[in-house]
């Protein structure tokens, strides 16, 4: 099966590097999307959140989280709007393959995509 992998990330952190290495070692082509240059659209975020949950998308360890009001939001739609407007709040990497999505380093899930 041909895999169309998209990796969304806003910085080159350890999990992002491990994710890129995972796909390179298996010779699986992927497209890297730098969230500092291109934001994820609201519809795309909604599709990802349907797979992983809205709260899983928020990087609570980032400095942007401490500076932003998103921690006080309770409604998913409002949280999604804030994430679309402020991509530095997104946890990285977000990996997409068709309808499937993961957040963070999840090789056990990606192995299932290859089957």
C-alpha atoms as a PDB file:
ATOM      1  CA  UNK A   1       0.000   0.000   0.000  1.00  0.00           C
ATOM      2  CA  UNK A   2       1.337   3.440  -0.899  1.00  0.00           C
ATOM      3  CA  UNK A   3       1.583   5.657   2.128  1.00  0.00           C
ATOM      4  CA  UNK A   4       1.063   9.389   1.825  1.00  0.00           C
ATOM      5  CA  UNK A   5       2.675  10.617   5.044  1.00  0.00           C
ATOM      6  CA  UNK A   6       2.439  14.231   6.212  1.00  0.00           C
ATOM      7  CA  UNK A   7       4.455  15.352   9.230  1.00  0.00           C
ATOM      8  CA  UNK A   8       3.326  18.642  10.761  1.00  0.00           C
ATOM      9  CA  UNK A   9       5.807  20.181  13.189  1.00  0.00           C
ATOM     10  CA  UNK A  10       6.732  23.654  14.333  1.00  0.00           C
ATOM     11  CA  UNK A  11      10.218  22.874  15.572  1.00  0.00           C
ATOM     12  CA  UNK A  12      12.857  20.229  15.264  1.00  0.00           C
ATOM     13  CA  UNK A  13      12.420  18.632  18.662  1.00  0.00           C
ATOM     14  CA  UNK A  14      13.507  15.140  19.657  1.00  0.00           C
ATOM     15  CA  UNK A  15      10.160  13.471  18.822  1.00  0.00           C
ATOM     16  CA  UNK A  16      10.067  15.138  15.414  1.00  0.00           C
ATOM     17  CA  UNK A  17      13.596  13.932  14.649  1.00  0.00           C
ATOM     18  CA  UNK A  18      12.697  10.393  15.748  1.00  0.00           C
ATOM     19  CA  UNK A  19       9.575  10.426  13.567  1.00  0.00           C
ATOM     20  CA  UNK A  20      11.536  11.565  10.519  1.00  0.00           C
ATOM     21  CA  UNK A  21      14.193   8.915  11.178  1.00  0.00           C
ATOM     22  CA  UNK A  22      11.486   6.222  11.538  1.00  0.00           C
ATOM     23  CA  UNK A  23      10.130   6.912   8.044  1.00  0.00           C
ATOM     24  CA  UNK A  24      13.559   7.423   6.451  1.00  0.00           C
ATOM     25  CA  UNK A  25      14.864   4.104   7.796  1.00  0.00           C
ATOM     26  CA  UNK A  26      11.856   2.312   6.298  1.00  0.00           C
ATOM     27  CA  UNK A  27      12.189   4.208   3.010  1.00  0.00           C
ATOM     28  CA  UNK A  28       8.703   5.639   3.387  1.00  0.00           C
ATOM     29  CA  UNK A  29       8.493   9.012   1.662  1.00  0.00           C
ATOM     30  CA  UNK A  30       6.913  11.789   3.677  1.00  0.00           C
ATOM     31  CA  UNK A  31       6.186  15.475   3.359  1.00  0.00           C
ATOM     32  CA  UNK A  32       7.376  17.739   6.174  1.00  0.00           C
ATOM     33  CA  UNK A  33       5.175  20.765   6.837  1.00  0.00           C
ATOM     34  CA  UNK A  34       6.754  23.459   8.983  1.00  0.00           C
ATOM     35  CA  UNK A  35       4.005  25.003  11.083  1.00  0.00           C
ATOM     36  CA  UNK A  36       5.997  28.228  11.356  1.00  0.00           C
ATOM     37  CA  UNK A  37       5.590  28.686   7.598  1.00  0.00           C
ATOM     38  CA  UNK A  38       2.232  27.041   6.897  1.00  0.00           C
ATOM     39  CA  UNK A  39      -0.569  26.672   9.422  1.00  0.00           C
ATOM     40  CA  UNK A  40      -2.876  23.691   9.581  1.00  0.00           C
ATOM     41  CA  UNK A  41      -6.342  24.640   8.399  1.00  0.00           C
ATOM     42  CA  UNK A  42      -9.296  24.375  10.745  1.00  0.00           C
ATOM     43  CA  UNK A  43     -10.902  21.553   8.724  1.00  0.00           C
ATOM     44  CA  UNK A  44      -7.640  19.568   8.797  1.00  0.00           C
ATOM     45  CA  UNK A  45      -7.344  20.124  12.564  1.00  0.00           C
ATOM     46  CA  UNK A  46     -10.910  18.904  13.015  1.00  0.00           C
ATOM     47  CA  UNK A  47     -10.104  15.728  11.061  1.00  0.00           C
ATOM     48  CA  UNK A  48      -7.007  15.131  13.201  1.00  0.00           C
ATOM     49  CA  UNK A  49      -8.915  15.845  16.430  1.00  0.00           C
ATOM     50  CA  UNK A  50     -11.576  13.310  15.409  1.00  0.00           C
ATOM     51  CA  UNK A  51      -8.821  10.663  15.505  1.00  0.00           C
ATOM     52  CA  UNK A  52      -6.784  11.714  18.534  1.00  0.00           C
ATOM     53  CA  UNK A  53      -8.995  14.053  20.567  1.00  0.00           C
ATOM     54  CA  UNK A  54      -8.806  17.812  20.942  1.00  0.00           C
ATOM     55  CA  UNK A  55      -6.790  17.802  24.189  1.00  0.00           C
ATOM     56  CA  UNK A  56      -4.082  15.587  22.614  1.00  0.00           C
ATOM     57  CA  UNK A  57      -3.296  18.369  20.136  1.00  0.00           C
ATOM     58  CA  UNK A  58      -2.294  20.873  22.835  1.00  0.00           C
ATOM     59  CA  UNK A  59       1.379  21.083  23.804  1.00  0.00           C
ATOM     60  CA  UNK A  60       1.024  21.892  27.497  1.00  0.00           C
ATOM     61  CA  UNK A  61       4.831  21.893  27.909  1.00  0.00           C
ATOM     62  CA  UNK A  62       5.444  24.662  25.381  1.00  0.00           C
ATOM     63  CA  UNK A  63       6.231  28.227  26.425  1.00  0.00           C
ATOM     64  CA  UNK A  64       3.349  29.366  24.201  1.00  0.00           C
ATOM     65  CA  UNK A  65       0.915  27.386  26.378  1.00  0.00           C
ATOM     66  CA  UNK A  66       2.006  29.307  29.480  1.00  0.00           C
ATOM     67  CA  UNK A  67       1.507  32.624  27.672  1.00  0.00           C
ATOM     68  CA  UNK A  68      -1.854  31.758  26.106  1.00  0.00           C
ATOM     69  CA  UNK A  69      -5.368  31.495  27.503  1.00  0.00           C
ATOM     70  CA  UNK A  70      -6.060  28.122  25.849  1.00  0.00           C
ATOM     71  CA  UNK A  71      -5.692  26.279  29.162  1.00  0.00           C
ATOM     72  CA  UNK A  72      -8.816  28.063  30.383  1.00  0.00           C
ATOM     73  CA  UNK A  73     -10.978  27.190  27.386  1.00  0.00           C
ATOM     74  CA  UNK A  74     -13.523  24.407  27.798  1.00  0.00           C
ATOM     75  CA  UNK A  75     -15.419  24.145  24.512  1.00  0.00           C
ATOM     76  CA  UNK A  76     -13.795  22.058  21.783  1.00  0.00           C
ATOM     77  CA  UNK A  77     -14.790  24.475  18.998  1.00  0.00           C
ATOM     78  CA  UNK A  78     -13.165  27.390  20.812  1.00  0.00           C
ATOM     79  CA  UNK A  79     -10.028  25.339  21.477  1.00  0.00           C
ATOM     80  CA  UNK A  80      -9.849  24.326  17.801  1.00  0.00           C
ATOM     81  CA  UNK A  81     -10.135  27.988  16.717  1.00  0.00           C
ATOM     82  CA  UNK A  82      -7.299  28.920  19.102  1.00  0.00           C
ATOM     83  CA  UNK A  83      -5.100  26.064  17.816  1.00  0.00           C
ATOM     84  CA  UNK A  84      -5.711  27.071  14.200  1.00  0.00           C
ATOM     85  CA  UNK A  85      -4.797  30.679  15.009  1.00  0.00           C
ATOM     86  CA  UNK A  86      -1.744  29.807  17.158  1.00  0.00           C
ATOM     87  CA  UNK A  87       0.131  26.785  15.723  1.00  0.00           C
ATOM     88  CA  UNK A  88       2.869  27.043  18.386  1.00  0.00           C
ATOM     89  CA  UNK A  89       0.301  25.537  20.768  1.00  0.00           C
ATOM     90  CA  UNK A  90       0.196  22.301  18.753  1.00  0.00           C
ATOM     91  CA  UNK A  91       2.028  19.247  20.033  1.00  0.00           C
ATOM     92  CA  UNK A  92       4.581  17.925  17.541  1.00  0.00           C
ATOM     93  CA  UNK A  93       4.829  15.885  15.465  1.00  0.00           C
ATOM     94  CA  UNK A  94       1.362  15.455  14.041  1.00  0.00           C
ATOM     95  CA  UNK A  95       1.582  12.594  11.537  1.00  0.00           C
ATOM     96  CA  UNK A  96      -1.143  11.960   8.947  1.00  0.00           C
ATOM     97  CA  UNK A  97      -1.637   9.064   6.579  1.00  0.00           C
ATOM     98  CA  UNK A  98      -4.921   9.387   4.730  1.00  0.00           C
ATOM     99  CA  UNK A  99      -7.691   9.292   7.320  1.00  0.00           C
ATOM    100  CA  UNK A 100      -5.368   8.205  10.152  1.00  0.00           C
ATOM    101  CA  UNK A 101      -3.599  10.597  12.502  1.00  0.00           C
ATOM    102  CA  UNK A 102      -1.248  10.501  15.474  1.00  0.00           C
ATOM    103  CA  UNK A 103       0.291  13.094  17.752  1.00  0.00           C
ATOM    104  CA  UNK A 104       3.781  12.549  19.124  1.00  0.00           C
ATOM    105  CA  UNK A 105       6.160   9.689  18.410  1.00  0.00           C
ATOM    106  CA  UNK A 106       3.954   6.608  17.803  1.00  0.00           C
ATOM    107  CA  UNK A 107       5.872   3.934  15.833  1.00  0.00           C
ATOM    108  CA  UNK A 108       3.583   1.160  17.080  1.00  0.00           C
ATOM    109  CA  UNK A 109       0.677   2.858  15.273  1.00  0.00           C
ATOM    110  CA  UNK A 110       2.713   3.679  12.162  1.00  0.00           C
ATOM    111  CA  UNK A 111       3.718   0.015  11.869  1.00  0.00           C
ATOM    112  CA  UNK A 112       0.013  -0.819  11.532  1.00  0.00           C
ATOM    113  CA  UNK A 113      -0.344   1.693   8.707  1.00  0.00           C
ATOM    114  CA  UNK A 114       2.276  -0.165   6.691  1.00  0.00           C
ATOM    115  CA  UNK A 115       0.360  -3.445   6.769  1.00  0.00           C
END
